[in-house]
Amino acid sequence: MPLMELLLKEDVDSLGVRGDLVKVKPGYGRNYLLPRGLAVQATAGNLKQIELQRRALLKKEAADRDHAT
């Protein structure tokens, strides 16, 4: 049975953190991760979108750190 590649939108215990590309069994992906909005299909467009979100988050965290000091 082939594994399904998904991109995590949220942290999932014992699987990975937001932005990770993971391979899971199809049933786990279809019945748990996708319906709950924890992951999306790993397409080129989704990978690019998550990377842009990750960069924006890192930039915001850096700005928050600068204002805190």
N, C-alpha and C. Protein backbone atom coordinates (compact mmCIF):
# COMPACT_ATOMS: atom_id res chain seq x y z
N MET A 1 0.85 -1.18 0.00
CA MET A 1 0.00 0.00 0.00
C MET A 1 0.89 1.25 0.00
N PRO A 2 0.74 2.10 -1.00
CA PRO A 2 1.57 3.31 -1.06
C PRO A 2 1.18 4.32 0.01
N LEU A 3 2.15 5.10 0.40
CA LEU A 3 1.90 6.13 1.40
C LEU A 3 1.46 7.42 0.71
N MET A 4 0.82 8.26 1.48
CA MET A 4 0.28 9.52 0.99
C MET A 4 1.17 10.65 1.51
N GLU A 5 1.56 11.59 0.65
CA GLU A 5 2.36 12.74 1.07
C GLU A 5 1.45 13.90 1.42
N LEU A 6 1.61 14.40 2.63
CA LEU A 6 0.81 15.52 3.10
C LEU A 6 1.72 16.60 3.67
N LEU A 7 1.23 17.81 3.66
CA LEU A 7 1.93 18.95 4.23
C LEU A 7 1.15 19.38 5.46
N LEU A 8 1.82 19.37 6.62
CA LEU A 8 1.12 19.70 7.87
C LEU A 8 0.85 21.19 7.98
N LYS A 9 -0.38 21.53 8.35
CA LYS A 9 -0.77 22.92 8.57
C LYS A 9 -0.69 23.28 10.05
N GLU A 10 -0.68 22.28 10.90
CA GLU A 10 -0.61 22.46 12.35
C GLU A 10 0.34 21.42 12.92
N ASP A 11 0.82 21.63 14.15
CA ASP A 11 1.63 20.63 14.83
C ASP A 11 0.77 19.42 15.16
N VAL A 12 1.28 18.23 14.91
CA VAL A 12 0.58 16.99 15.23
C VAL A 12 1.52 16.14 16.07
N ASP A 13 1.09 15.79 17.28
CA ASP A 13 1.92 14.98 18.18
C ASP A 13 2.37 13.70 17.49
N SER A 14 3.62 13.35 17.68
CA SER A 14 4.26 12.14 17.17
C SER A 14 4.27 12.03 15.64
N LEU A 15 3.99 13.14 14.94
CA LEU A 15 4.04 13.11 13.49
C LEU A 15 4.95 14.21 12.95
N GLY A 16 4.76 15.44 13.40
CA GLY A 16 5.61 16.52 12.93
C GLY A 16 5.06 17.88 13.32
N VAL A 17 5.75 18.91 12.86
CA VAL A 17 5.34 20.27 13.17
C VAL A 17 4.85 20.96 11.90
N ARG A 18 4.25 22.10 12.08
CA ARG A 18 3.69 22.87 10.97
C ARG A 18 4.73 23.08 9.88
N GLY A 19 4.32 22.80 8.63
CA GLY A 19 5.22 22.98 7.50
C GLY A 19 5.98 21.73 7.10
N ASP A 20 5.94 20.68 7.92
CA ASP A 20 6.64 19.44 7.59
C ASP A 20 5.92 18.68 6.48
N LEU A 21 6.69 18.05 5.64
CA LEU A 21 6.18 17.17 4.61
C LEU A 21 6.27 15.76 5.17
N VAL A 22 5.12 15.10 5.33
CA VAL A 22 5.10 13.77 5.96
C VAL A 22 4.46 12.75 5.04
N LYS A 23 4.83 11.50 5.22
CA LYS A 23 4.22 10.39 4.49
C LYS A 23 3.44 9.57 5.51
N VAL A 24 2.15 9.39 5.24
CA VAL A 24 1.28 8.65 6.14
C VAL A 24 0.45 7.65 5.35
N LYS A 25 -0.14 6.71 6.07
CA LYS A 25 -1.03 5.76 5.42
C LYS A 25 -2.26 6.52 4.91
N PRO A 26 -2.78 6.11 3.75
CA PRO A 26 -3.92 6.83 3.16
C PRO A 26 -5.13 6.97 4.08
N GLY A 27 -5.45 5.97 4.84
CA GLY A 27 -6.60 6.03 5.74
C GLY A 27 -6.43 7.09 6.81
N TYR A 28 -5.25 7.19 7.39
CA TYR A 28 -4.97 8.18 8.42
C TYR A 28 -5.08 9.59 7.84
N GLY A 29 -4.54 9.76 6.64
CA GLY A 29 -4.61 11.07 5.99
C GLY A 29 -6.04 11.46 5.64
N ARG A 30 -6.76 10.56 4.98
CA ARG A 30 -8.14 10.86 4.53
C ARG A 30 -9.13 10.98 5.67
N ASN A 31 -9.00 10.14 6.69
CA ASN A 31 -10.01 10.07 7.74
C ASN A 31 -9.71 10.94 8.97
N TYR A 32 -8.47 11.35 9.14
CA TYR A 32 -8.14 12.12 10.34
C TYR A 32 -7.53 13.49 10.01
N LEU A 33 -6.42 13.48 9.28
CA LEU A 33 -5.68 14.73 9.07
C LEU A 33 -6.41 15.72 8.15
N LEU A 34 -6.86 15.26 7.01
CA LEU A 34 -7.51 16.16 6.05
C LEU A 34 -8.84 16.72 6.55
N PRO A 35 -9.76 15.90 7.09
CA PRO A 35 -11.05 16.46 7.54
C PRO A 35 -10.92 17.47 8.69
N ARG A 36 -9.90 17.31 9.52
CA ARG A 36 -9.72 18.21 10.66
C ARG A 36 -8.91 19.45 10.29
N GLY A 37 -8.46 19.54 9.05
CA GLY A 37 -7.70 20.70 8.61
C GLY A 37 -6.28 20.73 9.13
N LEU A 38 -5.77 19.59 9.54
CA LEU A 38 -4.41 19.53 10.07
C LEU A 38 -3.37 19.42 8.97
N ALA A 39 -3.79 19.02 7.76
CA ALA A 39 -2.85 18.83 6.66
C ALA A 39 -3.55 19.10 5.33
N VAL A 40 -2.74 19.29 4.29
CA VAL A 40 -3.23 19.44 2.92
C VAL A 40 -2.38 18.54 2.02
N GLN A 41 -2.90 18.27 0.83
CA GLN A 41 -2.15 17.48 -0.14
C GLN A 41 -0.86 18.21 -0.47
N ALA A 42 0.21 17.46 -0.67
CA ALA A 42 1.51 18.05 -0.97
C ALA A 42 1.63 18.33 -2.46
N THR A 43 1.10 19.47 -2.90
CA THR A 43 1.23 19.90 -4.28
C THR A 43 2.24 21.04 -4.33
N ALA A 44 2.70 21.36 -5.52
CA ALA A 44 3.68 22.45 -5.66
C ALA A 44 3.11 23.77 -5.15
N GLY A 45 1.85 24.04 -5.44
CA GLY A 45 1.23 25.28 -4.97
C GLY A 45 1.11 25.35 -3.47
N ASN A 46 0.73 24.24 -2.84
CA ASN A 46 0.61 24.20 -1.39
C ASN A 46 1.97 24.33 -0.72
N LEU A 47 2.99 23.71 -1.29
CA LEU A 47 4.34 23.83 -0.73
C LEU A 47 4.80 25.29 -0.76
N LYS A 48 4.53 25.97 -1.85
CA LYS A 48 4.93 27.37 -1.98
C LYS A 48 4.17 28.24 -0.98
N GLN A 49 2.87 27.98 -0.83
CA GLN A 49 2.05 28.76 0.09
C GLN A 49 2.52 28.58 1.54
N ILE A 50 2.80 27.36 1.95
CA ILE A 50 3.27 27.11 3.31
C ILE A 50 4.63 27.77 3.54
N GLU A 51 5.50 27.73 2.53
CA GLU A 51 6.80 28.37 2.66
C GLU A 51 6.65 29.88 2.84
N LEU A 52 5.74 30.50 2.12
CA LEU A 52 5.49 31.94 2.28
C LEU A 52 4.95 32.25 3.68
N GLN A 53 4.05 31.41 4.17
CA GLN A 53 3.50 31.60 5.52
C GLN A 53 4.59 31.45 6.58
N ARG A 54 5.48 30.46 6.36
CA ARG A 54 6.57 30.23 7.32
C ARG A 54 7.50 31.44 7.36
N ARG A 55 7.83 32.00 6.19
CA ARG A 55 8.70 33.18 6.14
C ARG A 55 8.06 34.37 6.84
N ALA A 56 6.75 34.57 6.62
CA ALA A 56 6.05 35.68 7.26
C ALA A 56 6.04 35.50 8.78
N LEU A 57 5.85 34.28 9.24
CA LEU A 57 5.83 34.01 10.68
C LEU A 57 7.21 34.27 11.29
N LEU A 58 8.27 33.83 10.62
CA LEU A 58 9.62 34.08 11.12
C LEU A 58 9.94 35.56 11.16
N LYS A 59 9.49 36.29 10.15
CA LYS A 59 9.72 37.73 10.10
C LYS A 59 8.98 38.43 11.24
N LYS A 60 7.75 37.99 11.51
CA LYS A 60 6.96 38.58 12.59
C LYS A 60 7.59 38.28 13.95
N GLU A 61 8.07 37.05 14.14
CA GLU A 61 8.72 36.69 15.40
C GLU A 61 9.98 37.51 15.62
N ALA A 62 10.74 37.74 14.56
CA ALA A 62 11.95 38.55 14.67
C ALA A 62 11.60 39.98 15.05
N ALA A 63 10.55 40.51 14.45
CA ALA A 63 10.12 41.88 14.78
C ALA A 63 9.64 41.96 16.23
N ASP A 64 8.94 40.94 16.70
CA ASP A 64 8.47 40.92 18.09
C ASP A 64 9.65 40.87 19.05
N ARG A 65 10.68 40.09 18.71
CA ARG A 65 11.86 40.01 19.56
C ARG A 65 12.57 41.35 19.62
N ASP A 66 12.65 42.06 18.49
CA ASP A 66 13.30 43.36 18.46
C ASP A 66 12.57 44.38 19.33
N HIS A 67 11.25 44.32 19.33
CA HIS A 67 10.47 45.25 20.15
C HIS A 67 10.52 44.89 21.62
N ALA A 68 10.76 43.64 21.94
CA ALA A 68 10.79 43.19 23.33
C ALA A 68 12.07 43.62 24.03
N THR A 69 13.14 43.82 23.28
CA THR A 69 14.41 44.19 23.91
C THR A 69 14.62 45.66 24.02
